[in-house]
Amino acid sequence: METTRQAGRQRSAAERRRRELLEAADRVVLRDGPQASMNAIAAEAGITKPILYRHFGDKGGLYRALAKRHTDALLSALRTALDAPADRRERVEATLDTYLAAIEARPQVYRFLMHPSDRSADPADPAAVEQGFDVGRHSAPLLRRLGEELAMVIAERVDLGPGNEESARIWGHGIVGMMHAAGDWWLGERPCSRAQLVHSLADLLWGRLAMVSDRPGGPGF
């Protein structure tokens, strides 16, 4: 019994320490963005880099832990928007706005997670040099997770007829791809207000493309 209690205390202490290290990593990422290094994170946490490796394995392990932390928080916020007591159009706009507000509020975190190839390899980090941080290998799982989560919500709440689950997955991944691509472009260029982007994306999802007329003399669409 005592051995079991001791093991439980050790697990709790390890989980608490891991959370503290992730909070330190967050502070560095907020400051340095994609250039956040293991050296800087270890220094922020007041430990040596080997101790950081002991908890996360390598830079990729730390990246995945941070990605899960932020994806969990974003998914929770998106679910809240989807569950709001409002009509469907308002909930769609609230969901789009929640995503865009999240990347606007913490652009350095967004760039760290979605543009890790911007990061300079740390020459003192052999794992980082060897593995690299190509954007597709690391950001794609985040987008897939968001797509699958949204697909489940769609399948639960909307009747798409025969093949409902398959159609919901297509819609879920398609909507996430649209949000990501449009949000990435908007965050980099800021060509319009967030509200305008939300309204225009909601129009697209709402079927406005099917209702608009082709331009006179154009090839049509």
Protein backbone atom coordinates (compact mmCIF):
# COMPACT_ATOMS: atom_id res chain seq x y z
CA MET A 1 0.00 0.00 0.00
CA GLU A 2 2.76 2.43 0.94
CA THR A 3 4.57 1.57 -2.29
CA THR A 4 1.42 2.39 -4.26
CA ARG A 5 0.99 5.72 -2.47
CA GLN A 6 4.63 6.58 -3.05
CA ALA A 7 4.33 5.76 -6.75
CA GLY A 8 1.24 7.96 -6.93
CA ARG A 9 3.07 10.87 -5.27
CA GLN A 10 5.96 10.45 -7.69
CA ARG A 11 3.61 10.52 -10.68
CA SER A 12 1.88 13.63 -9.35
CA ALA A 13 5.21 15.35 -8.77
CA ALA A 14 6.39 14.42 -12.29
CA GLU A 15 3.16 15.70 -13.85
CA ARG A 16 3.38 18.93 -11.87
CA ARG A 17 6.99 19.41 -12.93
CA ARG A 18 6.09 18.73 -16.55
CA ARG A 19 3.36 21.40 -16.40
CA GLU A 20 5.85 23.88 -14.92
CA LEU A 21 8.31 23.16 -17.72
CA LEU A 22 5.60 23.61 -20.35
CA GLU A 23 4.65 26.94 -18.78
CA ALA A 24 8.31 28.00 -18.96
CA ALA A 25 8.41 26.88 -22.60
CA ASP A 26 5.26 28.91 -23.29
CA ARG A 27 6.90 32.04 -21.91
CA VAL A 28 9.92 31.58 -24.17
CA VAL A 29 7.74 30.85 -27.21
CA LEU A 30 5.68 33.99 -26.54
CA ARG A 31 8.92 35.95 -26.54
CA ASP A 32 10.91 34.21 -29.29
CA GLY A 33 8.34 32.47 -31.49
CA PRO A 34 9.77 29.86 -33.89
CA GLN A 35 13.29 30.75 -32.74
CA ALA A 36 12.64 29.41 -29.22
CA SER A 37 15.52 27.10 -28.33
CA MET A 38 15.96 24.30 -25.83
CA ASN A 39 18.75 26.33 -24.20
CA ALA A 40 16.45 29.31 -23.68
CA ILE A 41 13.63 27.12 -22.34
CA ALA A 42 15.95 25.32 -19.92
CA ALA A 43 17.29 28.68 -18.71
CA GLU A 44 13.75 30.02 -18.23
CA ALA A 45 12.87 26.94 -16.19
CA GLY A 46 16.05 27.21 -14.13
CA ILE A 47 17.33 23.78 -15.13
CA THR A 48 19.94 22.28 -17.43
CA LYS A 49 19.11 21.06 -20.90
CA PRO A 50 19.72 17.37 -20.03
CA ILE A 51 16.94 17.64 -17.43
CA LEU A 52 14.65 19.10 -20.08
CA TYR A 53 15.50 16.16 -22.34
CA ARG A 54 14.69 13.78 -19.50
CA HIS A 55 11.10 15.04 -19.51
CA PHE A 56 10.52 15.42 -23.26
CA GLY A 57 13.19 13.37 -25.02
CA ASP A 58 14.17 16.00 -27.58
CA LYS A 59 12.95 19.21 -29.18
CA GLY A 60 10.34 17.29 -31.15
CA GLY A 61 8.96 15.81 -27.93
CA LEU A 62 8.67 19.26 -26.38
CA TYR A 63 7.01 20.57 -29.54
CA ARG A 64 4.42 17.77 -29.46
CA ALA A 65 3.67 18.42 -25.78
CA LEU A 66 3.18 22.15 -26.43
CA ALA A 67 1.07 21.39 -29.49
CA LYS A 68 -1.24 19.14 -27.49
CA ARG A 69 -1.50 21.73 -24.71
CA HIS A 70 -2.55 24.50 -27.10
CA THR A 71 -4.72 22.28 -29.30
CA ASP A 72 -6.63 21.07 -26.23
CA ALA A 73 -7.27 24.68 -25.19
CA LEU A 74 -8.34 25.69 -28.70
CA LEU A 75 -10.69 22.71 -29.04
CA SER A 76 -12.30 23.55 -25.72
CA ALA A 77 -12.90 27.13 -26.87
CA LEU A 78 -14.27 25.95 -30.23
CA ARG A 79 -16.68 23.54 -28.53
CA THR A 80 -17.92 26.38 -26.31
CA ALA A 81 -18.61 28.49 -29.39
CA LEU A 82 -20.38 25.60 -31.12
CA ASP A 83 -22.54 24.98 -28.04
CA ALA A 84 -23.57 28.62 -27.58
CA PRO A 85 -27.35 29.23 -27.39
CA ALA A 86 -27.65 30.93 -30.77
CA ASP A 87 -28.83 30.15 -34.28
CA ARG A 88 -26.61 28.16 -36.63
CA ARG A 89 -25.18 31.12 -38.56
CA GLU A 90 -24.22 32.88 -35.33
CA ARG A 91 -22.55 29.73 -34.00
CA VAL A 92 -20.63 29.30 -37.24
CA GLU A 93 -19.38 32.89 -37.04
CA ALA A 94 -18.54 32.49 -33.34
CA THR A 95 -16.52 29.36 -34.10
CA LEU A 96 -14.58 31.03 -36.91
CA ASP A 97 -13.98 34.07 -34.73
CA THR A 98 -12.77 31.92 -31.83
CA TYR A 99 -10.11 30.33 -34.02
CA LEU A 100 -8.97 33.64 -35.52
CA ALA A 101 -8.98 35.39 -32.14
CA ALA A 102 -6.77 32.62 -30.74
CA ILE A 103 -4.09 32.99 -33.41
CA GLU A 104 -4.33 36.78 -33.29
CA ALA A 105 -3.88 36.86 -29.50
CA ARG A 106 -0.76 34.64 -29.53
CA PRO A 107 0.82 34.94 -32.98
CA GLN A 108 4.23 33.78 -31.75
CA VAL A 109 2.73 30.58 -30.39
CA TYR A 110 0.85 30.06 -33.66
CA ARG A 111 4.03 30.52 -35.70
CA PHE A 112 5.96 28.19 -33.39
CA LEU A 113 3.33 25.48 -33.88
CA MET A 114 2.46 25.99 -37.53
CA HIS A 115 5.71 27.31 -38.99
CA PRO A 116 8.40 25.37 -37.13
CA SER A 117 10.53 25.34 -40.28
CA ASP A 118 11.16 29.03 -39.56
CA ARG A 119 13.13 27.87 -36.55
CA SER A 120 16.89 27.86 -36.69
CA ALA A 121 18.35 24.49 -35.73
CA ASP A 122 20.14 24.60 -32.42
CA PRO A 123 23.70 23.38 -33.14
CA ALA A 124 23.96 22.16 -29.55
CA ASP A 125 20.86 20.01 -30.05
CA PRO A 126 21.86 16.99 -32.18
CA ALA A 127 18.28 15.69 -32.29
CA ALA A 128 17.01 18.99 -33.69
CA VAL A 129 19.77 19.16 -36.28
CA GLU A 130 19.18 15.56 -37.34
CA GLN A 131 15.38 15.65 -37.42
CA GLY A 132 14.74 19.19 -38.62
CA PHE A 133 11.35 20.84 -38.25
CA ASP A 134 9.62 20.70 -41.60
CA VAL A 135 6.23 22.32 -41.33
CA GLY A 136 4.21 19.47 -42.85
CA ARG A 137 5.52 16.75 -40.55
CA HIS A 138 4.73 18.70 -37.40
CA SER A 139 1.72 20.88 -38.18
CA ALA A 140 -0.27 18.30 -40.18
CA PRO A 141 -1.17 16.19 -37.10
CA LEU A 142 -2.57 19.30 -35.39
CA LEU A 143 -4.77 20.12 -38.37
CA ARG A 144 -5.88 16.49 -38.70
CA ARG A 145 -6.89 16.42 -35.05
CA LEU A 146 -8.90 19.63 -35.43
CA GLY A 147 -10.52 18.21 -38.57
CA GLU A 148 -11.50 14.95 -36.88
CA GLU A 149 -12.90 16.78 -33.83
CA LEU A 150 -14.99 19.08 -36.02
CA ALA A 151 -16.14 16.09 -38.09
CA MET A 152 -17.49 14.41 -34.96
CA VAL A 153 -19.43 17.55 -34.05
CA ILE A 154 -20.90 17.80 -37.57
CA ALA A 155 -21.85 14.11 -37.63
CA GLU A 156 -23.58 14.46 -34.27
CA ARG A 157 -25.58 17.58 -35.12
CA VAL A 158 -26.27 17.65 -38.85
CA ASP A 159 -28.10 15.04 -40.94
CA LEU A 160 -26.14 14.76 -44.18
CA GLY A 161 -28.11 11.76 -45.37
CA PRO A 162 -26.53 8.51 -46.64
CA GLY A 163 -22.81 8.39 -45.84
CA ASN A 164 -23.31 10.93 -43.04
CA GLU A 165 -20.06 10.10 -41.23
CA GLU A 166 -17.93 10.18 -44.38
CA SER A 167 -19.47 13.49 -45.49
CA ALA A 168 -18.97 14.93 -41.99
CA ARG A 169 -15.26 14.06 -42.13
CA ILE A 170 -14.93 15.70 -45.55
CA TRP A 171 -16.66 18.81 -44.25
CA GLY A 172 -14.68 18.83 -41.00
CA HIS A 173 -11.29 18.63 -42.67
CA GLY A 174 -12.34 21.02 -45.42
CA ILE A 175 -13.51 23.67 -42.95
CA VAL A 176 -10.34 23.33 -40.86
CA GLY A 177 -8.22 23.63 -44.01
CA MET A 178 -10.12 26.77 -44.98
CA MET A 179 -9.75 28.30 -41.51
CA HIS A 180 -6.05 27.50 -41.40
CA ALA A 181 -5.23 28.79 -44.88
CA ALA A 182 -7.33 31.94 -44.57
CA GLY A 183 -6.12 32.62 -41.02
CA ASP A 184 -2.48 32.14 -41.98
CA TRP A 185 -2.82 34.58 -44.88
CA TRP A 186 -4.76 37.08 -42.78
CA LEU A 187 -2.34 36.96 -39.84
CA GLY A 188 0.59 37.64 -42.18
CA GLU A 189 -0.96 40.42 -44.27
CA ARG A 190 -3.87 41.82 -42.22
CA PRO A 191 -5.76 42.83 -45.38
CA CYS A 192 -9.06 43.29 -43.52
CA SER A 193 -10.57 43.26 -40.06
CA ARG A 194 -11.13 39.99 -38.23
CA ALA A 195 -14.87 40.64 -38.27
CA GLN A 196 -14.84 41.08 -42.05
CA LEU A 197 -12.88 37.86 -42.53
CA VAL A 198 -15.27 35.97 -40.24
CA HIS A 199 -18.30 37.29 -42.13
CA SER A 200 -16.84 36.44 -45.54
CA LEU A 201 -15.81 32.92 -44.52
CA ALA A 202 -19.25 32.33 -43.01
CA ASP A 203 -20.80 33.51 -46.30
CA LEU A 204 -18.73 30.92 -48.13
CA LEU A 205 -19.77 28.15 -45.75
CA TRP A 206 -23.37 29.33 -45.95
CA GLY A 207 -23.53 28.60 -49.65
CA ARG A 208 -23.18 32.09 -51.01
CA LEU A 209 -20.97 30.73 -53.81
CA ALA A 210 -23.98 28.85 -55.14
CA MET A 211 -26.17 31.96 -55.10
CA VAL A 212 -23.89 34.60 -56.63
CA SER A 213 -24.01 35.32 -60.36
CA ASP A 214 -21.09 34.96 -62.73
CA ARG A 215 -19.48 38.23 -63.83
CA PRO A 216 -20.63 39.45 -67.25
CA GLY A 217 -18.26 38.32 -69.97
CA GLY A 218 -16.32 36.03 -67.61
CA PRO A 219 -15.73 32.29 -67.98
CA GLY A 220 -18.03 31.44 -65.07
CA PHE A 221 -17.21 29.38 -62.02
